[in-house]
Amino acid sequence: MSRLIPICAVAAVVGCTRLVGGTALPLAPSSTDGADLSRIMLDTPRIRALVGADEQLTIIPTMDSPAPADIDELAATVPPPCRFIFAETAVFGTRHTRFRKITFQYPPNAAIISQAAAIYPDPQTARQTLDALAATVAACADSPAGTKLVGDWAADPETLRSGAGACGSAYQLKSVVLLEVTYCGFTSSDADLVLTNMAANVTG
């Protein structure tokens, strides 16, 4: 699994203990085969309830994105199989029809957590994307930097999880949707709760 270092990199750049001002982007209406981003993505009060945080957990406005983002400069610093850690297009591919990723900060615990959903034109494309990601994570884990960049990871036909230190990632495939939760400073159980609640909003 991935997104461990990106979350840590974000923490280093924006500062987990610093509130970031601004206005979050509005949710974009979208629906494909019963998958509706406006229903899948959890609102801030729901995230707070799931992870046990108070009102100091807020969306980082500059990290509310309608498209996968790559940080090419950082991707170039890791072994090629591990590029996905800094390149969201290497995680979600380019065949999705809708995408949303929102990152939250919780300064009291110097913590951040993100939720993302990519909707694909059909279940086969979504599955191929998760399978490709699992293969990429395996290749990174086998590289000299694997222990630091990926840590412990496990995959099955529907899910992919990894964790290194205080950070981790979880993915789940459901119908035409690939879901992602990444975190630093929260627990894998927190991530699983968020992921399960997102998946419950996917019909089909």
N, C-alpha and C. Protein backbone atom coordinates (compact mmCIF):
# COMPACT_ATOMS: atom_id res chain seq x y z
N MET A 1 0.83 -1.17 0.00
CA MET A 1 0.00 0.00 0.00
C MET A 1 0.87 1.23 0.00
N SER A 2 0.28 2.39 -0.10
CA SER A 2 1.12 3.55 -0.28
C SER A 2 0.69 4.72 0.55
N ARG A 3 0.99 5.91 0.05
CA ARG A 3 0.59 7.19 0.59
C ARG A 3 1.15 7.48 1.96
N LEU A 4 2.08 6.68 2.42
CA LEU A 4 2.65 6.93 3.73
C LEU A 4 3.52 8.17 3.69
N ILE A 5 4.46 8.17 2.79
CA ILE A 5 5.37 9.30 2.70
C ILE A 5 4.68 10.56 2.21
N PRO A 6 3.73 10.48 1.24
CA PRO A 6 3.06 11.70 0.84
C PRO A 6 2.40 12.39 2.02
N ILE A 7 1.74 11.61 2.86
CA ILE A 7 1.10 12.21 4.03
C ILE A 7 2.16 12.86 4.91
N CYS A 8 3.29 12.16 5.13
CA CYS A 8 4.35 12.73 5.95
C CYS A 8 4.93 13.97 5.29
N ALA A 9 5.06 13.94 3.98
CA ALA A 9 5.59 15.08 3.26
C ALA A 9 4.65 16.27 3.40
N VAL A 10 3.36 16.01 3.30
CA VAL A 10 2.37 17.06 3.49
C VAL A 10 2.50 17.64 4.88
N ALA A 11 2.67 16.75 5.87
CA ALA A 11 2.80 17.22 7.24
C ALA A 11 3.99 18.15 7.38
N ALA A 12 5.08 17.81 6.69
CA ALA A 12 6.28 18.62 6.78
C ALA A 12 6.08 19.97 6.11
N VAL A 13 5.30 19.98 5.01
CA VAL A 13 5.14 21.20 4.24
C VAL A 13 4.14 22.15 4.89
N VAL A 14 2.94 21.63 5.25
CA VAL A 14 1.91 22.52 5.78
C VAL A 14 1.95 22.61 7.30
N GLY A 15 2.58 21.66 7.95
CA GLY A 15 2.67 21.69 9.40
C GLY A 15 1.41 21.15 10.04
N CYS A 16 1.50 19.95 10.60
CA CYS A 16 0.31 19.32 11.18
C CYS A 16 -0.23 20.10 12.36
N THR A 17 0.62 20.88 13.00
CA THR A 17 0.16 21.59 14.18
C THR A 17 -0.30 23.01 13.85
N ARG A 18 -0.41 23.35 12.55
CA ARG A 18 -0.79 24.70 12.17
C ARG A 18 -2.08 24.66 11.38
N LEU A 19 -3.05 25.50 11.76
CA LEU A 19 -4.29 25.58 11.00
C LEU A 19 -4.02 26.30 9.70
N VAL A 20 -4.66 25.84 8.64
CA VAL A 20 -4.49 26.45 7.33
C VAL A 20 -5.79 27.14 6.96
N GLY A 21 -5.71 28.41 6.61
CA GLY A 21 -6.90 29.16 6.28
C GLY A 21 -7.35 28.94 4.86
N GLY A 22 -8.50 29.52 4.51
CA GLY A 22 -9.00 29.42 3.14
C GLY A 22 -10.36 28.77 3.09
N THR A 23 -10.83 28.57 1.90
CA THR A 23 -12.15 27.99 1.69
C THR A 23 -12.04 26.69 0.93
N ALA A 24 -12.70 25.65 1.43
CA ALA A 24 -12.66 24.36 0.75
C ALA A 24 -13.48 24.41 -0.52
N LEU A 25 -13.06 23.62 -1.52
CA LEU A 25 -13.80 23.54 -2.76
C LEU A 25 -15.14 22.86 -2.52
N PRO A 26 -16.20 23.26 -3.27
CA PRO A 26 -17.49 22.60 -3.10
C PRO A 26 -17.46 21.21 -3.68
N LEU A 27 -18.32 20.36 -3.17
CA LEU A 27 -18.44 19.02 -3.73
C LEU A 27 -18.98 19.09 -5.13
N ALA A 28 -18.37 18.34 -6.05
CA ALA A 28 -18.85 18.31 -7.42
C ALA A 28 -19.86 17.19 -7.57
N PRO A 29 -21.04 17.50 -8.10
CA PRO A 29 -22.03 16.44 -8.29
C PRO A 29 -21.56 15.46 -9.33
N SER A 30 -21.71 14.18 -9.05
CA SER A 30 -21.29 13.18 -10.02
C SER A 30 -21.93 11.86 -9.67
N SER A 31 -22.25 11.08 -10.72
CA SER A 31 -22.85 9.78 -10.49
C SER A 31 -22.53 8.87 -11.66
N THR A 32 -22.05 7.66 -11.36
CA THR A 32 -21.76 6.67 -12.38
C THR A 32 -22.13 5.30 -11.85
N ASP A 33 -23.10 4.66 -12.52
CA ASP A 33 -23.50 3.31 -12.13
C ASP A 33 -23.79 3.20 -10.63
N GLY A 34 -24.53 4.15 -10.09
CA GLY A 34 -24.88 4.10 -8.68
C GLY A 34 -23.81 4.62 -7.76
N ALA A 35 -22.66 5.04 -8.28
CA ALA A 35 -21.59 5.59 -7.47
C ALA A 35 -21.65 7.11 -7.56
N ASP A 36 -21.93 7.74 -6.45
CA ASP A 36 -22.13 9.19 -6.40
C ASP A 36 -21.11 9.79 -5.44
N LEU A 37 -20.20 10.59 -5.96
CA LEU A 37 -19.15 11.16 -5.12
C LEU A 37 -19.72 11.97 -3.97
N SER A 38 -20.80 12.69 -4.20
CA SER A 38 -21.36 13.53 -3.16
C SER A 38 -21.90 12.69 -2.01
N ARG A 39 -22.22 11.42 -2.25
CA ARG A 39 -22.66 10.52 -1.19
C ARG A 39 -21.49 9.74 -0.59
N ILE A 40 -20.52 9.39 -1.41
CA ILE A 40 -19.40 8.57 -0.94
C ILE A 40 -18.52 9.34 0.04
N MET A 41 -18.18 10.57 -0.32
CA MET A 41 -17.28 11.35 0.52
C MET A 41 -17.98 11.76 1.82
N LEU A 42 -17.29 11.57 2.94
CA LEU A 42 -17.86 11.85 4.24
C LEU A 42 -17.65 13.32 4.61
N ASP A 43 -18.65 13.92 5.25
CA ASP A 43 -18.49 15.31 5.64
C ASP A 43 -17.65 15.41 6.91
N THR A 44 -17.27 16.63 7.24
CA THR A 44 -16.36 16.84 8.36
C THR A 44 -16.91 16.34 9.69
N PRO A 45 -18.18 16.60 10.04
CA PRO A 45 -18.69 16.06 11.30
C PRO A 45 -18.61 14.53 11.37
N ARG A 46 -18.85 13.87 10.24
CA ARG A 46 -18.79 12.41 10.23
C ARG A 46 -17.35 11.93 10.45
N ILE A 47 -16.40 12.56 9.80
CA ILE A 47 -14.99 12.20 10.00
C ILE A 47 -14.60 12.41 11.46
N ARG A 48 -15.00 13.53 12.03
CA ARG A 48 -14.69 13.79 13.43
C ARG A 48 -15.23 12.69 14.33
N ALA A 49 -16.47 12.29 14.09
CA ALA A 49 -17.10 11.26 14.93
C ALA A 49 -16.37 9.93 14.79
N LEU A 50 -15.97 9.59 13.58
CA LEU A 50 -15.35 8.29 13.34
C LEU A 50 -13.96 8.19 13.97
N VAL A 51 -13.21 9.28 13.94
CA VAL A 51 -11.83 9.22 14.45
C VAL A 51 -11.72 9.77 15.87
N GLY A 52 -12.84 10.19 16.46
CA GLY A 52 -12.82 10.68 17.82
C GLY A 52 -12.16 12.03 17.99
N ALA A 53 -12.35 12.91 17.02
CA ALA A 53 -11.73 14.24 17.07
C ALA A 53 -12.80 15.31 17.31
N ASP A 54 -12.37 16.45 17.84
CA ASP A 54 -13.30 17.55 18.07
C ASP A 54 -13.29 18.51 16.89
N GLU A 55 -13.82 19.72 17.10
CA GLU A 55 -13.98 20.67 16.00
C GLU A 55 -12.65 21.22 15.47
N GLN A 56 -11.56 20.87 16.12
CA GLN A 56 -10.26 21.32 15.60
C GLN A 56 -9.83 20.49 14.39
N LEU A 57 -10.52 19.38 14.12
CA LEU A 57 -10.25 18.66 12.88
C LEU A 57 -10.99 19.36 11.75
N THR A 58 -10.24 19.84 10.78
CA THR A 58 -10.81 20.61 9.67
C THR A 58 -10.18 20.20 8.35
N ILE A 59 -10.87 20.53 7.26
CA ILE A 59 -10.33 20.30 5.92
C ILE A 59 -9.20 21.27 5.66
N ILE A 60 -8.13 20.80 5.06
CA ILE A 60 -7.08 21.68 4.56
C ILE A 60 -7.55 22.18 3.20
N PRO A 61 -7.91 23.44 3.05
CA PRO A 61 -8.54 23.91 1.82
C PRO A 61 -7.72 23.67 0.57
N THR A 62 -6.42 23.80 0.68
CA THR A 62 -5.58 23.61 -0.50
C THR A 62 -5.38 22.15 -0.85
N MET A 63 -5.97 21.25 -0.05
CA MET A 63 -5.83 19.82 -0.31
C MET A 63 -7.22 19.18 -0.45
N ASP A 64 -8.04 19.83 -1.25
CA ASP A 64 -9.36 19.35 -1.63
C ASP A 64 -9.35 19.33 -3.15
N SER A 65 -9.13 18.15 -3.72
CA SER A 65 -8.79 18.08 -5.14
C SER A 65 -9.78 17.26 -5.95
N PRO A 66 -10.13 17.74 -7.16
CA PRO A 66 -10.99 16.98 -8.06
C PRO A 66 -10.21 16.10 -9.04
N ALA A 67 -8.89 16.03 -8.87
CA ALA A 67 -8.07 15.23 -9.78
C ALA A 67 -6.82 14.75 -9.04
N PRO A 68 -6.32 13.55 -9.38
CA PRO A 68 -5.07 13.08 -8.77
C PRO A 68 -3.93 14.04 -9.05
N ALA A 69 -3.04 14.18 -8.08
CA ALA A 69 -1.90 15.10 -8.22
C ALA A 69 -0.60 14.33 -8.05
N ASP A 70 0.39 14.69 -8.85
CA ASP A 70 1.73 14.11 -8.77
C ASP A 70 2.71 15.17 -8.28
N ILE A 71 3.61 14.76 -7.42
CA ILE A 71 4.70 15.65 -6.99
C ILE A 71 5.97 15.11 -7.64
N ASP A 72 6.21 15.54 -8.86
CA ASP A 72 7.27 14.95 -9.68
C ASP A 72 8.65 15.09 -9.05
N GLU A 73 8.89 16.23 -8.39
CA GLU A 73 10.21 16.45 -7.79
C GLU A 73 10.51 15.40 -6.72
N LEU A 74 9.51 15.07 -5.92
CA LEU A 74 9.71 14.06 -4.87
C LEU A 74 9.69 12.66 -5.45
N ALA A 75 8.85 12.42 -6.45
CA ALA A 75 8.80 11.10 -7.07
C ALA A 75 10.15 10.72 -7.65
N ALA A 76 10.88 11.70 -8.10
CA ALA A 76 12.20 11.45 -8.71
C ALA A 76 13.25 11.07 -7.68
N THR A 77 12.93 11.22 -6.40
CA THR A 77 13.93 10.94 -5.36
C THR A 77 13.85 9.53 -4.81
N VAL A 78 12.86 8.75 -5.25
CA VAL A 78 12.69 7.38 -4.73
C VAL A 78 12.89 6.38 -5.86
N PRO A 79 13.14 5.11 -5.53
CA PRO A 79 13.29 4.10 -6.58
C PRO A 79 12.06 4.07 -7.49
N PRO A 80 12.24 3.79 -8.77
CA PRO A 80 11.11 3.80 -9.72
C PRO A 80 9.88 3.02 -9.25
N PRO A 81 10.04 1.83 -8.63
CA PRO A 81 8.83 1.12 -8.20
C PRO A 81 8.05 1.84 -7.10
N CYS A 82 8.72 2.78 -6.45
CA CYS A 82 8.09 3.49 -5.33
C CYS A 82 7.57 4.87 -5.73
N ARG A 83 7.58 5.17 -6.99
CA ARG A 83 7.14 6.48 -7.47
C ARG A 83 5.70 6.77 -7.06
N PHE A 84 4.88 5.73 -6.96
CA PHE A 84 3.47 5.90 -6.62
C PHE A 84 3.27 6.62 -5.29
N ILE A 85 4.28 6.61 -4.44
CA ILE A 85 4.18 7.25 -3.13
C ILE A 85 3.96 8.75 -3.28
N PHE A 86 4.53 9.32 -4.34
CA PHE A 86 4.38 10.76 -4.58
C PHE A 86 3.58 11.06 -5.85
N ALA A 87 3.05 10.05 -6.50
CA ALA A 87 2.34 10.25 -7.76
C ALA A 87 0.97 9.58 -7.70
N GLU A 88 -0.08 10.36 -7.49
CA GLU A 88 -1.41 9.79 -7.36
C GLU A 88 -1.91 9.17 -8.67
N THR A 89 -1.38 9.62 -9.80
CA THR A 89 -1.77 9.00 -11.06
C THR A 89 -1.24 7.57 -11.15
N ALA A 90 -0.17 7.28 -10.42
CA ALA A 90 0.34 5.91 -10.38
C ALA A 90 -0.49 5.03 -9.45
N VAL A 91 -1.32 5.63 -8.62
CA VAL A 91 -2.23 4.90 -7.74
C VAL A 91 -3.57 4.68 -8.42
N PHE A 92 -4.15 5.77 -8.91
CA PHE A 92 -5.51 5.73 -9.45
C PHE A 92 -5.56 5.60 -10.97
N GLY A 93 -4.41 5.69 -11.63
CA GLY A 93 -4.40 5.59 -13.07
C GLY A 93 -5.01 6.82 -13.72
N THR A 94 -5.40 6.66 -14.97
CA THR A 94 -5.97 7.79 -15.72
C THR A 94 -7.32 7.44 -16.34
N ARG A 95 -7.85 6.26 -16.00
CA ARG A 95 -9.10 5.83 -16.65
C ARG A 95 -10.34 6.08 -15.81
N HIS A 96 -10.19 6.77 -14.69
CA HIS A 96 -11.37 7.09 -13.88
C HIS A 96 -12.18 8.19 -14.56
N THR A 97 -13.45 8.23 -14.24
CA THR A 97 -14.33 9.26 -14.79
C THR A 97 -14.60 10.37 -13.79
N ARG A 98 -14.47 10.06 -12.51
CA ARG A 98 -14.66 11.05 -11.45
C ARG A 98 -13.65 10.78 -10.34
N PHE A 99 -13.25 11.86 -9.65
CA PHE A 99 -12.26 11.70 -8.58
C PHE A 99 -12.45 12.82 -7.57
N ARG A 100 -12.19 12.49 -6.31
CA ARG A 100 -12.20 13.52 -5.25
C ARG A 100 -11.28 13.05 -4.14
N LYS A 101 -10.48 13.96 -3.64
CA LYS A 101 -9.63 13.66 -2.48
C LYS A 101 -9.65 14.85 -1.54
N ILE A 102 -9.88 14.58 -0.27
CA ILE A 102 -9.94 15.63 0.74
C ILE A 102 -9.03 15.23 1.89
N THR A 103 -8.19 16.17 2.34
CA THR A 103 -7.29 15.91 3.46
C THR A 103 -7.67 16.79 4.64
N PHE A 104 -7.73 16.17 5.81
CA PHE A 104 -8.08 16.86 7.05
C PHE A 104 -6.85 16.96 7.95
N GLN A 105 -6.80 18.02 8.74
CA GLN A 105 -5.73 18.20 9.70
C GLN A 105 -6.32 18.24 11.11
N TYR A 106 -5.55 17.72 12.07
CA TYR A 106 -5.96 17.76 13.48
C TYR A 106 -4.75 18.20 14.30
N PRO A 107 -4.55 19.52 14.41
CA PRO A 107 -3.36 20.06 15.06
C PRO A 107 -3.08 19.55 16.47
N PRO A 108 -4.09 19.31 17.34
CA PRO A 108 -3.75 18.86 18.70
C PRO A 108 -2.89 17.61 18.75
N ASN A 109 -3.07 16.72 17.76
CA ASN A 109 -2.29 15.49 17.73
C ASN A 109 -1.26 15.49 16.60
N ALA A 110 -1.04 16.66 15.99
CA ALA A 110 -0.14 16.75 14.84
C ALA A 110 -0.48 15.66 13.83
N ALA A 111 -1.77 15.51 13.54
CA ALA A 111 -2.24 14.40 12.73
C ALA A 111 -2.98 14.89 11.49
N ILE A 112 -2.97 14.07 10.45
CA ILE A 112 -3.75 14.32 9.26
C ILE A 112 -4.33 13.01 8.75
N ILE A 113 -5.46 13.12 8.05
CA ILE A 113 -6.11 11.96 7.47
C ILE A 113 -6.80 12.41 6.19
N SER A 114 -6.78 11.58 5.17
CA SER A 114 -7.41 11.94 3.91
C SER A 114 -8.37 10.85 3.47
N GLN A 115 -9.35 11.24 2.67
CA GLN A 115 -10.26 10.30 2.03
C GLN A 115 -10.27 10.61 0.54
N ALA A 116 -10.30 9.55 -0.27
CA ALA A 116 -10.33 9.74 -1.72
C ALA A 116 -11.19 8.66 -2.34
N ALA A 117 -11.81 9.00 -3.46
CA ALA A 117 -12.61 8.03 -4.21
C ALA A 117 -12.43 8.29 -5.70
N ALA A 118 -12.16 7.23 -6.43
CA ALA A 118 -12.07 7.31 -7.88
C ALA A 118 -13.14 6.40 -8.47
N ILE A 119 -13.92 6.92 -9.40
CA ILE A 119 -14.99 6.17 -10.04
C ILE A 119 -14.56 5.83 -11.46
N TYR A 120 -14.72 4.57 -11.83
CA TYR A 120 -14.29 4.08 -13.14
C TYR A 120 -15.50 3.71 -14.00
N PRO A 121 -15.30 3.58 -15.29
CA PRO A 121 -16.44 3.31 -16.17
C PRO A 121 -17.09 1.95 -15.96
N ASP A 122 -16.34 1.00 -15.39
CA ASP A 122 -16.89 -0.34 -15.17
C ASP A 122 -16.09 -1.03 -14.07
N PRO A 123 -16.66 -2.10 -13.46
CA PRO A 123 -15.96 -2.80 -12.38
C PRO A 123 -14.62 -3.38 -12.80
N GLN A 124 -14.51 -3.84 -14.03
CA GLN A 124 -13.25 -4.44 -14.49
C GLN A 124 -12.12 -3.42 -14.47
N THR A 125 -12.39 -2.21 -14.92
CA THR A 125 -11.36 -1.17 -14.91
C THR A 125 -10.95 -0.83 -13.49
N ALA A 126 -11.93 -0.75 -12.59
CA ALA A 126 -11.61 -0.46 -11.19
C ALA A 126 -10.73 -1.56 -10.61
N ARG A 127 -11.07 -2.83 -10.89
CA ARG A 127 -10.29 -3.94 -10.38
C ARG A 127 -8.88 -3.94 -10.96
N GLN A 128 -8.75 -3.68 -12.23
CA GLN A 128 -7.43 -3.64 -12.85
C GLN A 128 -6.56 -2.57 -12.19
N THR A 129 -7.19 -1.47 -11.78
CA THR A 129 -6.44 -0.39 -11.13
C THR A 129 -5.92 -0.85 -9.77
N LEU A 130 -6.76 -1.52 -8.98
CA LEU A 130 -6.30 -2.02 -7.69
C LEU A 130 -5.24 -3.09 -7.86
N ASP A 131 -5.42 -3.99 -8.82
CA ASP A 131 -4.43 -5.04 -9.06
C ASP A 131 -3.08 -4.44 -9.45
N ALA A 132 -3.13 -3.41 -10.30
CA ALA A 132 -1.88 -2.76 -10.71
C ALA A 132 -1.21 -2.09 -9.53
N LEU A 133 -2.00 -1.47 -8.66
CA LEU A 133 -1.44 -0.83 -7.48
C LEU A 133 -0.80 -1.86 -6.56
N ALA A 134 -1.46 -2.99 -6.36
CA ALA A 134 -0.91 -4.05 -5.50
C ALA A 134 0.43 -4.53 -6.05
N ALA A 135 0.52 -4.70 -7.36
CA ALA A 135 1.78 -5.14 -7.96
C ALA A 135 2.87 -4.09 -7.78
N THR A 136 2.49 -2.82 -7.89
CA THR A 136 3.45 -1.74 -7.70
C THR A 136 3.95 -1.69 -6.26
N VAL A 137 3.03 -1.85 -5.31
CA VAL A 137 3.42 -1.85 -3.90
C VAL A 137 4.36 -3.01 -3.61
N ALA A 138 4.07 -4.18 -4.18
CA ALA A 138 4.93 -5.34 -3.98
C ALA A 138 6.34 -5.07 -4.51
N ALA A 139 6.41 -4.44 -5.69
CA ALA A 139 7.72 -4.13 -6.27
C ALA A 139 8.47 -3.13 -5.41
N CYS A 140 7.77 -2.15 -4.87
CA CYS A 140 8.42 -1.18 -3.99
C CYS A 140 8.89 -1.85 -2.71
N ALA A 141 8.05 -2.73 -2.15
CA ALA A 141 8.41 -3.42 -0.92
C ALA A 141 9.67 -4.25 -1.09
N ASP A 142 9.89 -4.77 -2.30
CA ASP A 142 11.06 -5.59 -2.58
C ASP A 142 12.30 -4.77 -2.88
N SER A 143 12.15 -3.46 -3.01
CA SER A 143 13.29 -2.60 -3.30
C SER A 143 14.05 -2.29 -2.01
N PRO A 144 15.27 -1.80 -2.12
CA PRO A 144 16.05 -1.48 -0.91
C PRO A 144 15.36 -0.47 0.01
N ALA A 145 14.49 0.37 -0.57
CA ALA A 145 13.82 1.39 0.24
C ALA A 145 12.46 0.93 0.74
N GLY A 146 12.10 -0.32 0.44
CA GLY A 146 10.76 -0.80 0.72
C GLY A 146 10.34 -0.72 2.17
N THR A 147 11.24 -1.11 3.08
CA THR A 147 10.89 -1.11 4.50
C THR A 147 10.51 0.28 4.98
N LYS A 148 11.22 1.27 4.54
CA LYS A 148 10.96 2.65 4.98
C LYS A 148 9.76 3.24 4.27
N LEU A 149 9.62 2.97 2.98
CA LEU A 149 8.59 3.63 2.20
C LEU A 149 7.23 2.94 2.25
N VAL A 150 7.22 1.62 2.40
CA VAL A 150 5.97 0.87 2.40
C VAL A 150 5.67 0.28 3.76
N GLY A 151 6.68 -0.28 4.41
CA GLY A 151 6.46 -0.91 5.70
C GLY A 151 5.73 -2.23 5.55
N ASP A 152 4.93 -2.57 6.53
CA ASP A 152 4.14 -3.80 6.47
C ASP A 152 2.93 -3.58 5.57
N TRP A 153 2.69 -4.55 4.70
CA TRP A 153 1.54 -4.39 3.81
C TRP A 153 0.90 -5.74 3.54
N ALA A 154 -0.37 -5.69 3.17
CA ALA A 154 -1.11 -6.91 2.87
C ALA A 154 -2.21 -6.57 1.87
N ALA A 155 -2.53 -7.55 1.01
CA ALA A 155 -3.54 -7.32 -0.02
C ALA A 155 -4.39 -8.57 -0.20
N ASP A 156 -5.64 -8.36 -0.57
CA ASP A 156 -6.52 -9.44 -1.01
C ASP A 156 -7.27 -8.91 -2.23
N PRO A 157 -8.18 -9.67 -2.81
CA PRO A 157 -8.84 -9.20 -4.04
C PRO A 157 -9.61 -7.89 -3.90
N GLU A 158 -9.99 -7.52 -2.67
CA GLU A 158 -10.81 -6.33 -2.50
C GLU A 158 -10.11 -5.20 -1.76
N THR A 159 -9.02 -5.48 -1.05
CA THR A 159 -8.40 -4.46 -0.22
C THR A 159 -6.88 -4.48 -0.32
N LEU A 160 -6.29 -3.37 0.11
CA LEU A 160 -4.84 -3.23 0.17
C LEU A 160 -4.54 -2.30 1.34
N ARG A 161 -3.64 -2.73 2.22
CA ARG A 161 -3.31 -1.93 3.40
C ARG A 161 -1.81 -1.95 3.64
N SER A 162 -1.31 -0.85 4.20
CA SER A 162 0.09 -0.82 4.60
C SER A 162 0.27 0.17 5.74
N GLY A 163 1.39 0.04 6.44
CA GLY A 163 1.69 0.96 7.53
C GLY A 163 3.16 0.99 7.83
N ALA A 164 3.67 2.18 8.06
CA ALA A 164 5.08 2.36 8.43
C ALA A 164 5.13 3.45 9.48
N GLY A 165 5.55 3.11 10.67
CA GLY A 165 5.59 4.09 11.74
C GLY A 165 4.20 4.58 12.11
N ALA A 166 4.04 5.89 12.18
CA ALA A 166 2.75 6.48 12.57
C ALA A 166 1.83 6.72 11.38
N CYS A 167 2.25 6.28 10.21
CA CYS A 167 1.48 6.56 9.00
C CYS A 167 1.02 5.27 8.32
N GLY A 168 -0.03 5.37 7.53
CA GLY A 168 -0.52 4.20 6.82
C GLY A 168 -1.53 4.55 5.76
N SER A 169 -1.95 3.53 5.02
CA SER A 169 -2.92 3.70 3.95
C SER A 169 -3.82 2.48 3.87
N ALA A 170 -5.03 2.70 3.41
CA ALA A 170 -5.97 1.61 3.21
C ALA A 170 -6.76 1.87 1.93
N TYR A 171 -6.94 0.81 1.13
CA TYR A 171 -7.70 0.90 -0.11
C TYR A 171 -8.78 -0.18 -0.11
N GLN A 172 -9.90 0.14 -0.70
CA GLN A 172 -10.96 -0.85 -0.86
C GLN A 172 -11.63 -0.67 -2.22
N LEU A 173 -11.86 -1.81 -2.86
CA LEU A 173 -12.56 -1.82 -4.14
C LEU A 173 -14.01 -2.19 -3.89
N LYS A 174 -14.94 -1.41 -4.45
CA LYS A 174 -16.35 -1.75 -4.38
C LYS A 174 -17.03 -1.30 -5.67
N SER A 175 -17.51 -2.28 -6.41
CA SER A 175 -18.18 -2.00 -7.68
C SER A 175 -17.23 -1.24 -8.60
N VAL A 176 -17.61 -0.04 -9.03
CA VAL A 176 -16.79 0.74 -9.95
C VAL A 176 -15.91 1.75 -9.23
N VAL A 177 -15.79 1.63 -7.91
CA VAL A 177 -15.11 2.65 -7.12
C VAL A 177 -13.88 2.07 -6.42
N LEU A 178 -12.78 2.83 -6.45
CA LEU A 178 -11.61 2.53 -5.64
C LEU A 178 -11.51 3.61 -4.57
N LEU A 179 -11.56 3.19 -3.31
CA LEU A 179 -11.52 4.10 -2.17
C LEU A 179 -10.14 4.10 -1.54
N GLU A 180 -9.74 5.23 -0.99
CA GLU A 180 -8.45 5.34 -0.33
C GLU A 180 -8.59 6.17 0.95
N VAL A 181 -7.94 5.72 2.01
CA VAL A 181 -7.78 6.52 3.23
C VAL A 181 -6.31 6.48 3.60
N THR A 182 -5.72 7.64 3.80
CA THR A 182 -4.33 7.71 4.24
C THR A 182 -4.27 8.51 5.54
N TYR A 183 -3.25 8.26 6.34
CA TYR A 183 -3.23 8.92 7.64
C TYR A 183 -1.82 8.98 8.21
N CYS A 184 -1.62 9.96 9.09
CA CYS A 184 -0.47 10.04 9.98
C CYS A 184 -0.98 10.58 11.30
N GLY A 185 -0.64 9.91 12.38
CA GLY A 185 -1.07 10.36 13.69
C GLY A 185 -2.41 9.80 14.12
N PHE A 186 -3.12 9.14 13.22
CA PHE A 186 -4.32 8.40 13.57
C PHE A 186 -3.96 6.91 13.56
N THR A 187 -4.92 6.03 13.78
CA THR A 187 -4.64 4.61 13.82
C THR A 187 -5.20 3.90 12.60
N SER A 188 -4.74 2.68 12.40
CA SER A 188 -5.29 1.88 11.30
C SER A 188 -6.77 1.60 11.52
N SER A 189 -7.19 1.49 12.77
CA SER A 189 -8.62 1.29 13.07
C SER A 189 -9.43 2.51 12.66
N ASP A 190 -8.88 3.71 12.89
CA ASP A 190 -9.55 4.93 12.44
C ASP A 190 -9.73 4.90 10.92
N ALA A 191 -8.66 4.53 10.22
CA ALA A 191 -8.71 4.47 8.77
C ALA A 191 -9.75 3.46 8.29
N ASP A 192 -9.80 2.31 8.95
CA ASP A 192 -10.76 1.28 8.56
C ASP A 192 -12.20 1.75 8.77
N LEU A 193 -12.45 2.50 9.84
CA LEU A 193 -13.79 3.02 10.08
C LEU A 193 -14.20 3.99 8.98
N VAL A 194 -13.29 4.87 8.61
CA VAL A 194 -13.59 5.82 7.54
C VAL A 194 -13.83 5.07 6.23
N LEU A 195 -12.98 4.11 5.92
CA LEU A 195 -13.10 3.35 4.69
C LEU A 195 -14.43 2.57 4.65
N THR A 196 -14.78 1.94 5.75
CA THR A 196 -16.02 1.17 5.81
C THR A 196 -17.24 2.05 5.60
N ASN A 197 -17.22 3.25 6.19
CA ASN A 197 -18.34 4.15 6.04
C ASN A 197 -18.43 4.71 4.62
N MET A 198 -17.30 4.96 3.98
CA MET A 198 -17.32 5.39 2.59
C MET A 198 -17.89 4.28 1.71
N ALA A 199 -17.42 3.05 1.93
CA ALA A 199 -17.87 1.91 1.11
C ALA A 199 -19.37 1.69 1.27
N ALA A 200 -19.90 1.95 2.45
CA ALA A 200 -21.34 1.75 2.69
C ALA A 200 -22.19 2.69 1.83
N ASN A 201 -21.58 3.77 1.35
CA ASN A 201 -22.30 4.73 0.51
C ASN A 201 -22.21 4.43 -0.97
N VAL A 202 -21.53 3.34 -1.31
CA VAL A 202 -21.43 2.91 -2.72
C VAL A 202 -22.51 1.87 -2.98
N THR A 203 -23.39 2.14 -3.89
CA THR A 203 -24.44 1.16 -4.22
C THR A 203 -23.97 0.27 -5.36
N GLY A 204 -24.55 -0.92 -5.44
CA GLY A 204 -24.17 -1.82 -6.52
C GLY A 204 -23.13 -2.82 -6.08
